[in-house]
């Protein structure tokens, strides 16, 4: 390996083979050599020269990295984040999001290179080009999305089919040999959606479906007297209320002078599921409830009836049920959407009875009322509507006949008759009453509001 002298720029070329002697110093007047200049070159070390060039390239790359500011790193990080997010959807997503970010950063760099750290508009343009290439590549690589074609709708009219052609015959006739059916020729029958079976005839659900659905009309013009003046008198001489009490009570006690007058009894209240014993003659704790309230009927069709039709409705035994007064007061004029009996076991029968009454008189129901009835009957779909014959079931055949005596705690008052007070309240305050129909002349002096044959009850 030989070494030769390498003069710096501006120095004269020495003679061939000249070697500077020991302690040689450059003569004055020659240009100053560049810093780090190598005066000796090994002619037989090309590999070393190649390594030196690679080292110089690495130095330039390191210099560029050192010169890169935070804006450059922010741009690179933004593009990388977008590419990683798109990688969730596959290679196409990474190319699309990465290309979009690169095109966006490059476009900003074309306007303001310092904002993105690209250094020059040439580098920004290259970034835009790379971004567009990424968008194009992502579009090409993205898989095609299959489009679902809905099956043709079945028509209700029947059309005559054309005579089969050879192609049709081949497709429709059964193959004679083992063949592999194509995907297009294999028809997959669609599975019909499960449908709710229709309710059985005679059930409350079936009758409910026939009731008209309308909105609630205003209560304007309603009055209890529009449905008759109190309880009607039946052919046997008893009032409707007295007949309902005889029907619904057990261990009935009646007045000897007038068997229509019920003095007491035991009620198995279906609304509450409890047993209640009425011991007083006034029956303040018992009430006869209209299953379909009169006010509710007025708002849903009864306002168009005649007075005779409304009176028949108010006295229909199918629409009457004895219950406790406090329960009747809590119901008011509510329908099935706003009130149901506290006894949940009776709700199916109660709703079925309302449906029977409304069907008999063609009364409408509101949408919310119908929905509430459906919810109740969903637990008893076979519940049948009651008949009027069931409402006229036999009364107690063996009531206890009672002959009450007039309570006279004051002998002086008992010696004289009632001076005919203006009200029963005044008569009770003076110690008089009660008065029974057919026995006491005072009965005709006072008004029997509940038509039970007893006035001025204490």
Protein backbone atom coordinates (compact mmCIF):
# COMPACT_ATOMS: atom_id res chain seq x y z
CA UNK A 1 0.00 0.00 0.00
CA UNK A 2 1.51 3.36 -1.09
CA UNK A 3 0.66 6.76 0.16
CA UNK A 4 0.86 9.91 -1.90
CA UNK A 5 0.89 13.54 -1.01
CA UNK A 6 -2.44 15.33 -1.56
CA UNK A 7 -1.85 19.10 -1.95
CA UNK A 8 -4.73 21.37 -0.89
CA UNK A 9 -6.53 23.54 -3.44
CA UNK A 10 -4.27 26.38 -4.77
CA UNK A 11 -1.04 24.54 -4.00
CA UNK A 12 1.38 23.56 -6.76
CA UNK A 13 1.47 19.88 -7.71
CA UNK A 14 4.70 18.32 -6.32
CA UNK A 15 6.94 16.14 -8.49
CA UNK A 16 6.07 12.49 -8.84
CA UNK A 17 7.24 10.47 -5.89
CA UNK A 18 8.10 13.55 -3.83
CA UNK A 19 7.80 12.99 -0.13
CA UNK A 20 8.07 15.86 2.36
CA UNK A 21 11.06 15.43 4.66
CA UNK A 22 10.71 15.13 8.40
CA UNK A 23 9.68 18.38 10.09
CA UNK A 24 8.51 19.83 6.79
CA UNK A 25 6.25 22.91 7.06
CA UNK A 26 4.23 24.51 4.28
CA UNK A 27 6.15 27.44 2.78
CA UNK A 28 4.69 30.89 3.43
CA UNK A 29 2.45 32.42 0.77
CA UNK A 30 0.43 29.27 0.02
CA UNK A 31 -3.33 29.23 0.66
CA UNK A 32 -4.45 27.93 4.01
CA UNK A 33 -5.71 24.34 3.63
CA UNK A 34 -9.35 23.67 4.65
CA UNK A 35 -10.01 22.51 8.16
CA UNK A 36 -9.43 18.78 8.50
CA UNK A 37 -7.74 18.46 5.15
CA UNK A 38 -6.03 15.10 4.61
CA UNK A 39 -2.50 15.62 3.17
CA UNK A 40 -1.98 11.91 2.64
CA UNK A 41 -4.19 9.56 0.54
CA UNK A 42 -3.97 5.79 0.51
CA UNK A 43 -4.29 4.81 -3.17
CA UNK A 44 -5.02 1.16 -2.38
CA UNK A 45 -7.93 1.68 0.05
CA UNK A 46 -11.07 2.04 -2.09
CA UNK A 47 -13.13 0.24 0.58
CA UNK A 48 -12.16 2.78 3.17
CA UNK A 49 -13.17 5.55 0.78
CA UNK A 50 -16.60 3.92 0.32
CA UNK A 51 -17.10 3.63 4.07
CA UNK A 52 -16.09 7.24 4.45
CA UNK A 53 -18.72 8.28 1.90
CA UNK A 54 -21.40 6.27 3.72
CA UNK A 55 -20.39 7.91 6.97
CA UNK A 56 -20.69 11.31 5.36
CA UNK A 57 -24.23 10.41 4.18
CA UNK A 58 -25.19 9.32 7.69
CA UNK A 59 -23.87 12.58 9.01
CA UNK A 60 -26.04 14.52 6.55
CA UNK A 61 -29.13 12.51 7.60
CA UNK A 62 -28.39 13.11 11.27
CA UNK A 63 -27.93 16.80 10.51
CA UNK A 64 -31.33 16.91 8.83
CA UNK A 65 -32.94 15.16 11.80
CA UNK A 66 -31.34 17.61 14.18
CA UNK A 67 -32.57 20.53 12.13
CA UNK A 68 -36.15 19.18 12.09
CA UNK A 69 -38.31 21.24 14.44
CA UNK A 70 -41.41 20.33 16.46
CA UNK A 71 -43.69 21.26 13.55
CA UNK A 72 -42.08 18.60 11.39
CA UNK A 73 -42.50 15.97 14.07
CA UNK A 74 -46.11 17.09 14.63
CA UNK A 75 -46.89 16.66 10.91
CA UNK A 76 -45.27 13.22 10.84
CA UNK A 77 -47.17 12.21 14.00
CA UNK A 78 -50.50 13.42 12.59
CA UNK A 79 -50.05 11.39 9.42
CA UNK A 80 -49.01 8.32 11.43
CA UNK A 81 -52.01 8.57 13.79
CA UNK A 82 -54.44 8.79 10.89
CA UNK A 83 -52.80 5.81 9.22
CA UNK A 84 -53.00 3.74 12.43
CA UNK A 85 -56.65 4.63 12.92
CA UNK A 86 -57.42 3.60 9.37
CA UNK A 87 -55.57 0.33 9.89
CA UNK A 88 -58.51 -0.83 11.99
CA UNK A 89 -60.49 -1.10 8.76
CA UNK A 90 -57.62 -2.82 6.94
CA UNK A 91 -54.92 -1.75 4.54
CA UNK A 92 -57.37 0.29 2.48
CA UNK A 93 -58.39 2.29 5.55
CA UNK A 94 -54.76 3.02 6.45
CA UNK A 95 -54.03 4.20 2.90
CA UNK A 96 -57.15 6.35 2.77
CA UNK A 97 -56.73 8.08 6.14
CA UNK A 98 -52.93 8.35 5.85
CA UNK A 99 -53.19 9.74 2.34
CA UNK A 100 -55.84 12.22 3.44
CA UNK A 101 -53.66 13.46 6.30
CA UNK A 102 -50.57 13.70 4.05
CA UNK A 103 -52.49 15.64 1.38
CA UNK A 104 -53.86 18.00 4.03
CA UNK A 105 -50.43 18.65 5.59
CA UNK A 106 -48.83 19.10 2.15
CA UNK A 107 -51.52 21.56 1.05
CA UNK A 108 -50.90 23.67 4.17
CA UNK A 109 -47.17 23.41 3.52
CA UNK A 110 -47.61 24.80 0.02
CA UNK A 111 -49.14 27.93 1.52
CA UNK A 112 -46.93 28.20 4.61
CA UNK A 113 -43.97 25.77 4.68
CA UNK A 114 -43.00 26.98 8.15
CA UNK A 115 -46.35 25.93 9.60
CA UNK A 116 -45.88 22.26 8.79
CA UNK A 117 -42.07 22.02 9.05
CA UNK A 118 -41.71 20.76 5.45
CA UNK A 119 -38.86 23.20 4.87
CA UNK A 120 -39.75 24.06 1.30
CA UNK A 121 -42.66 24.10 -1.10
CA UNK A 122 -40.97 21.35 -3.11
CA UNK A 123 -41.15 19.01 -0.12
CA UNK A 124 -44.78 20.08 0.50
CA UNK A 125 -45.66 19.31 -3.11
CA UNK A 126 -44.07 15.89 -2.79
CA UNK A 127 -46.18 15.30 0.34
CA UNK A 128 -49.36 16.26 -1.53
CA UNK A 129 -48.44 13.86 -4.34
CA UNK A 130 -47.83 11.06 -1.86
CA UNK A 131 -51.16 11.77 -0.17
CA UNK A 132 -53.08 11.62 -3.44
CA UNK A 133 -51.34 8.38 -4.29
CA UNK A 134 -52.39 6.96 -0.91
CA UNK A 135 -56.03 7.98 -1.51
CA UNK A 136 -56.00 6.39 -4.94
CA UNK A 137 -54.38 3.21 -3.62
CA UNK A 138 -56.88 2.95 -0.75
CA UNK A 139 -59.78 3.31 -3.17
CA UNK A 140 -58.40 0.53 -5.38
CA UNK A 141 -57.63 -1.82 -2.49
CA UNK A 142 -61.00 -1.28 -0.72
CA UNK A 143 -63.27 -4.35 -1.04
CA UNK A 144 -66.51 -4.01 -2.94
CA UNK A 145 -69.65 -3.78 -0.76
CA UNK A 146 -72.35 -6.19 -1.92
CA UNK A 147 -75.72 -4.55 -2.59
CA UNK A 148 -78.71 -6.51 -1.28
CA UNK A 149 -81.45 -6.75 -3.89
CA UNK A 150 -84.90 -7.24 -2.32
CA UNK A 151 -86.93 -10.14 -3.67
CA UNK A 152 -89.78 -9.23 -5.99
CA UNK A 153 -93.06 -8.61 -4.19
CA UNK A 154 -95.69 -11.25 -4.61
CA UNK A 155 -98.73 -10.04 -6.54
CA UNK A 156 -102.25 -10.94 -5.53
CA UNK A 157 -103.47 -11.37 -9.12
CA UNK A 158 -102.79 -14.58 -10.95
CA UNK A 159 -101.38 -14.34 -14.46
CA UNK A 160 -101.26 -17.13 -16.95
CA UNK A 161 -97.71 -18.45 -17.34
CA UNK A 162 -96.26 -18.55 -20.89
CA UNK A 163 -95.54 -21.94 -22.41
CA UNK A 164 -92.17 -23.21 -21.20
CA UNK A 165 -89.28 -22.80 -23.60
CA UNK A 166 -86.43 -25.32 -23.70
CA UNK A 167 -84.48 -23.11 -21.34
CA UNK A 168 -87.40 -22.94 -18.92
CA UNK A 169 -87.97 -26.65 -19.14
CA UNK A 170 -84.35 -27.29 -18.29
CA UNK A 171 -84.54 -25.02 -15.27
CA UNK A 172 -87.88 -26.25 -13.94
CA UNK A 173 -87.81 -29.97 -14.66
CA UNK A 174 -86.14 -32.29 -12.19
CA UNK A 175 -82.64 -33.37 -13.30
CA UNK A 176 -82.31 -36.94 -14.50
CA UNK A 177 -78.83 -37.40 -13.14
CA UNK A 178 -76.78 -36.21 -10.18
CA UNK A 179 -76.10 -32.55 -10.74
CA UNK A 180 -74.79 -29.76 -8.57
CA UNK A 181 -77.40 -27.00 -8.27
CA UNK A 182 -76.10 -23.54 -8.93
CA UNK A 183 -76.49 -20.77 -6.38
CA UNK A 184 -78.78 -18.77 -8.63
CA UNK A 185 -81.05 -21.74 -9.29
CA UNK A 186 -81.47 -22.63 -5.60
CA UNK A 187 -84.43 -20.71 -4.18
CA UNK A 188 -84.32 -20.08 -0.42
CA UNK A 189 -87.92 -19.74 0.86
CA UNK A 190 -88.42 -16.77 3.12
CA UNK A 191 -89.60 -17.62 6.63
CA UNK A 192 -92.86 -15.81 7.40
CA UNK A 193 -92.96 -13.64 10.47
CA UNK A 194 -94.77 -15.21 13.44
CA UNK A 195 -98.32 -13.89 13.71
CA UNK A 196 -100.59 -13.81 16.75
CA UNK A 197 -103.52 -16.20 16.31
CA UNK A 198 -106.91 -14.50 16.29
CA UNK A 199 -108.89 -14.70 19.54
CA UNK A 200 -111.52 -17.40 19.82
CA UNK A 201 -115.12 -16.36 19.14
CA UNK A 202 -117.09 -15.48 22.25
CA UNK A 203 -114.03 -14.38 24.21
CA UNK A 204 -113.67 -10.90 25.58
CA UNK A 205 -110.69 -10.28 23.29
CA UNK A 206 -112.73 -11.13 20.20
CA UNK A 207 -115.55 -8.83 21.32
CA UNK A 208 -113.08 -6.05 22.13
CA UNK A 209 -111.86 -6.09 18.52
CA UNK A 210 -115.38 -5.17 17.35
CA UNK A 211 -115.78 -2.14 19.63
CA UNK A 212 -115.39 1.23 17.87
CA UNK A 213 -112.32 3.21 18.91
CA UNK A 214 -112.89 6.95 19.27
CA UNK A 215 -111.68 9.85 21.35
CA UNK A 216 -113.42 10.83 24.58
CA UNK A 217 -116.17 13.41 23.99
CA UNK A 218 -116.56 16.33 26.41
CA UNK A 219 -118.63 15.85 29.56
CA UNK A 220 -120.73 18.89 28.71
CA UNK A 221 -124.43 18.38 29.44
CA UNK A 222 -124.03 15.32 31.68
CA UNK A 223 -126.32 14.95 34.69
CA UNK A 224 -127.37 11.90 36.68
CA UNK A 225 -131.03 12.76 36.10
CA UNK A 226 -130.55 12.24 32.35
CA UNK A 227 -130.39 8.51 33.16
CA UNK A 228 -133.66 8.48 35.10
CA UNK A 229 -134.89 9.78 38.43
CA UNK A 230 -133.12 7.38 40.77
CA UNK A 231 -133.64 3.63 40.55
CA UNK A 232 -136.44 2.25 38.41
CA UNK A 233 -139.22 0.08 39.86
CA UNK A 234 -139.27 -3.48 38.57
CA UNK A 235 -142.37 -5.57 37.76
CA UNK A 236 -142.18 -7.26 41.19
CA UNK A 237 -142.49 -3.88 42.88
CA UNK A 238 -138.90 -3.71 44.08
CA UNK A 239 -136.38 -1.15 42.88
CA UNK A 240 -133.32 -2.09 40.85
CA UNK A 241 -131.04 -1.33 43.80
CA UNK A 242 -133.02 -3.67 46.06
CA UNK A 243 -132.82 -6.43 43.44
CA UNK A 244 -129.03 -6.00 43.14
CA UNK A 245 -128.63 -6.16 46.92
CA UNK A 246 -130.71 -9.36 47.07
CA UNK A 247 -128.54 -10.80 44.26
CA UNK A 248 -125.09 -9.88 45.59
CA UNK A 249 -125.53 -10.31 49.36
CA UNK A 250 -125.55 -13.53 51.33
CA UNK A 251 -127.39 -14.12 54.63
CA UNK A 252 -129.90 -11.48 53.57
CA UNK A 253 -132.25 -9.97 56.14
CA UNK A 254 -135.46 -8.44 54.79
CA UNK A 255 -138.33 -6.50 56.29
CA UNK A 256 -141.42 -8.51 57.15
CA UNK A 257 -143.80 -5.76 56.04
CA UNK A 258 -142.02 -5.31 52.70
CA UNK A 259 -139.81 -8.09 51.36
CA UNK A 260 -138.18 -5.69 48.91
CA UNK A 261 -136.46 -3.86 51.75
CA UNK A 262 -133.06 -5.41 52.55
CA UNK A 263 -131.98 -4.71 56.10
CA UNK A 264 -128.52 -6.30 55.99
CA UNK A 265 -126.37 -9.11 54.75
CA UNK A 266 -122.85 -10.33 54.00
CA UNK A 267 -121.00 -9.18 50.86
CA UNK A 268 -118.13 -11.07 49.27
CA UNK A 269 -116.80 -7.96 47.57
CA UNK A 270 -115.21 -8.98 44.23
CA UNK A 271 -113.54 -5.57 43.84
CA UNK A 272 -111.47 -6.01 47.02
CA UNK A 273 -111.51 -9.77 47.54
CA UNK A 274 -112.72 -9.29 51.12
CA UNK A 275 -115.92 -10.07 53.01
CA UNK A 276 -117.97 -7.23 54.43
CA UNK A 277 -120.99 -7.51 56.71
CA UNK A 278 -123.66 -4.80 56.51
CA UNK A 279 -125.58 -4.62 59.79
CA UNK A 280 -127.20 -1.23 59.54
CA UNK A 281 -130.44 -0.43 57.76
CA UNK A 282 -129.03 2.58 55.95
CA UNK A 283 -126.28 0.70 54.06
CA UNK A 284 -123.96 3.70 54.26
CA UNK A 285 -121.00 1.37 53.75
CA UNK A 286 -122.41 -0.30 50.62
CA UNK A 287 -122.96 1.10 47.15
CA UNK A 288 -124.25 -0.25 43.85
CA UNK A 289 -121.61 0.51 41.25
CA UNK A 290 -122.21 1.01 37.54
CA UNK A 291 -119.47 -1.16 35.99
CA UNK A 292 -119.44 1.21 33.01
CA UNK A 293 -119.89 4.56 34.73
CA UNK A 294 -122.82 6.70 33.58
CA UNK A 295 -120.54 9.65 32.90
CA UNK A 296 -118.17 7.46 30.88
CA UNK A 297 -121.12 6.16 28.84
CA UNK A 298 -122.32 9.74 28.26
CA UNK A 299 -118.96 10.72 26.76
CA UNK A 300 -118.77 7.61 24.56
CA UNK A 301 -122.17 7.48 22.89
CA UNK A 302 -125.01 7.73 25.45
CA UNK A 303 -125.50 11.45 24.86
CA UNK A 304 -127.18 10.55 21.54
CA UNK A 305 -129.65 8.11 23.15
CA UNK A 306 -133.22 8.77 24.17
CA UNK A 307 -134.10 9.15 27.83
CA UNK A 308 -135.71 5.70 27.84
CA UNK A 309 -132.52 4.11 26.49
CA UNK A 310 -130.38 5.85 29.11
CA UNK A 311 -132.75 4.77 31.91
CA UNK A 312 -132.62 1.16 30.70
CA UNK A 313 -128.81 1.36 30.69
CA UNK A 314 -128.68 2.75 34.26
CA UNK A 315 -130.88 -0.13 35.52
CA UNK A 316 -129.32 -3.00 33.55
CA UNK A 317 -128.32 -5.73 36.03
CA UNK A 318 -125.38 -6.65 33.76
CA UNK A 319 -123.89 -3.22 34.49
CA UNK A 320 -124.51 -3.21 38.27
CA UNK A 321 -122.37 -4.63 41.07
CA UNK A 322 -122.54 -4.17 44.84
CA UNK A 323 -119.30 -3.05 46.44
CA UNK A 324 -118.11 -1.02 49.38
CA UNK A 325 -118.81 2.70 49.26
CA UNK A 326 -115.18 3.71 49.68
CA UNK A 327 -114.17 1.59 46.67
CA UNK A 328 -116.98 3.03 44.57
CA UNK A 329 -115.86 6.54 45.50
CA UNK A 330 -112.26 5.82 44.50
CA UNK A 331 -113.41 4.64 41.07
CA UNK A 332 -115.54 7.67 40.27
CA UNK A 333 -116.28 7.67 36.53
CA UNK A 334 -112.97 6.09 35.50
CA UNK A 335 -112.61 3.57 32.69
CA UNK A 336 -110.18 0.64 32.44
CA UNK A 337 -107.34 2.99 31.54
CA UNK A 338 -107.64 4.95 34.80
CA UNK A 339 -109.10 2.48 37.32
CA UNK A 340 -109.12 -1.27 37.91
CA UNK A 341 -110.31 -3.22 40.97
CA UNK A 342 -107.71 -3.60 43.73
CA UNK A 343 -108.35 -7.35 43.61
CA UNK A 344 -106.11 -8.39 40.70
CA UNK A 345 -107.80 -11.81 40.45
CA UNK A 346 -111.09 -10.14 39.51
CA UNK A 347 -109.70 -7.82 36.83
CA UNK A 348 -110.24 -10.26 33.96
CA UNK A 349 -113.92 -10.66 34.89
CA UNK A 350 -114.30 -6.93 35.47
CA UNK A 351 -112.84 -5.97 32.08
CA UNK A 352 -114.86 -8.70 30.33
CA UNK A 353 -118.02 -7.32 31.94
CA UNK A 354 -117.22 -3.79 30.75
CA UNK A 355 -116.66 -5.13 27.21
CA UNK A 356 -119.99 -7.00 27.31
CA UNK A 357 -121.85 -3.86 28.39
CA UNK A 358 -120.18 -1.65 25.79
CA UNK A 359 -120.81 -4.21 23.07
CA UNK A 360 -124.50 -4.52 24.03
CA UNK A 361 -125.00 -0.73 23.89
CA UNK A 362 -122.48 -0.01 21.07
CA UNK A 363 -120.40 2.30 23.22
CA UNK A 364 -116.92 3.25 22.02
CA UNK A 365 -113.57 2.88 23.76
CA UNK A 366 -110.55 5.16 23.65
CA UNK A 367 -107.20 3.94 22.38
CA UNK A 368 -105.68 3.97 25.88
CA UNK A 369 -108.72 2.16 27.30
CA UNK A 370 -108.47 -0.57 24.67
CA UNK A 371 -104.75 -0.97 25.33
CA UNK A 372 -105.40 -1.32 29.08
CA UNK A 373 -108.07 -3.96 28.43
CA UNK A 374 -105.68 -5.88 26.19
CA UNK A 375 -103.01 -5.88 28.89
CA UNK A 376 -105.45 -7.35 31.41
CA UNK A 377 -106.85 -9.97 29.01
CA UNK A 378 -103.36 -11.01 27.89
CA UNK A 379 -103.18 -12.98 31.14
CA UNK A 380 -106.54 -14.66 30.49
CA UNK A 381 -107.05 -14.87 26.70
CA UNK A 382 -109.87 -17.41 27.08
CA UNK A 383 -111.94 -15.14 29.36
CA UNK A 384 -115.51 -15.04 28.01
CA UNK A 385 -117.93 -12.15 28.22
CA UNK A 386 -120.80 -12.59 30.73
CA UNK A 387 -124.40 -12.74 29.59
CA UNK A 388 -127.47 -10.95 30.89
CA UNK A 389 -128.82 -14.29 32.07
CA UNK A 390 -125.85 -14.64 34.39
CA UNK A 391 -126.49 -11.13 35.70
CA UNK A 392 -130.05 -12.16 36.61
CA UNK A 393 -128.94 -15.09 38.75
CA UNK A 394 -131.28 -16.27 41.48
CA UNK A 395 -131.49 -14.26 44.66
CA UNK A 396 -131.25 -15.67 48.16
CA UNK A 397 -134.23 -18.05 48.42
CA UNK A 398 -134.24 -18.17 52.19
CA UNK A 399 -133.75 -14.65 53.55
CA UNK A 400 -134.24 -13.92 57.20
CA UNK A 401 -137.46 -11.98 57.79
CA UNK A 402 -137.10 -9.26 60.39
CA UNK A 403 -139.87 -7.28 62.09
CA UNK A 404 -138.08 -4.26 63.56
CA UNK A 405 -139.56 -2.24 66.34
CA UNK A 406 -139.41 1.49 66.43
CA UNK A 407 -136.61 2.53 68.81
CA UNK A 408 -138.23 4.74 71.45
CA UNK A 409 -135.70 5.65 74.10
CA UNK A 410 -137.74 8.63 75.21
CA UNK A 411 -141.25 7.70 76.42
CA UNK A 412 -142.41 11.25 76.09
CA UNK A 413 -141.41 11.34 72.44
CA UNK A 414 -142.87 7.91 71.85
CA UNK A 415 -146.25 9.06 73.10
CA UNK A 416 -146.60 11.55 70.30
CA UNK A 417 -145.97 11.29 66.56
CA UNK A 418 -143.25 12.91 64.52
CA UNK A 419 -143.98 16.64 64.22
CA UNK A 420 -142.80 16.40 60.58
CA UNK A 421 -139.35 17.92 60.64
CA UNK A 422 -138.06 19.68 57.52
CA UNK A 423 -135.23 17.14 57.07
CA UNK A 424 -134.29 13.68 58.24
CA UNK A 425 -131.24 15.17 59.88
CA UNK A 426 -133.46 17.25 62.14
CA UNK A 427 -135.64 14.23 62.82
CA UNK A 428 -132.63 12.10 63.80
CA UNK A 429 -131.35 14.89 66.05
CA UNK A 430 -134.68 14.87 67.87
CA UNK A 431 -134.54 11.10 68.29
CA UNK A 432 -136.94 10.07 65.50
CA UNK A 433 -136.47 7.55 62.71
CA UNK A 434 -135.91 5.37 60.90
CA UNK A 435 -139.23 4.95 59.06
CA UNK A 436 -140.08 1.95 56.90
CA UNK A 437 -142.25 1.83 53.80
CA UNK A 438 -145.59 0.11 54.40
CA UNK A 439 -145.36 0.35 58.17
CA UNK A 440 -144.69 3.92 59.26
CA UNK A 441 -146.83 6.83 58.01
CA UNK A 442 -143.78 9.08 58.45
CA UNK A 443 -142.10 7.27 55.55
CA UNK A 444 -144.09 9.38 53.07
CA UNK A 445 -143.03 12.63 54.70
CA UNK A 446 -139.35 12.32 53.78
CA UNK A 447 -137.53 11.60 50.55
CA UNK A 448 -136.08 8.14 50.01
CA UNK A 449 -133.08 9.14 47.89
CA UNK A 450 -131.68 5.63 47.54
CA UNK A 451 -135.10 4.01 47.05
CA UNK A 452 -134.38 1.29 49.59
CA UNK A 453 -137.71 1.60 51.45
CA UNK A 454 -136.15 3.24 54.50
CA UNK A 455 -135.86 6.93 55.32
CA UNK A 456 -134.15 8.86 58.10
CA UNK A 457 -131.69 6.07 58.77
CA UNK A 458 -129.50 6.63 61.78
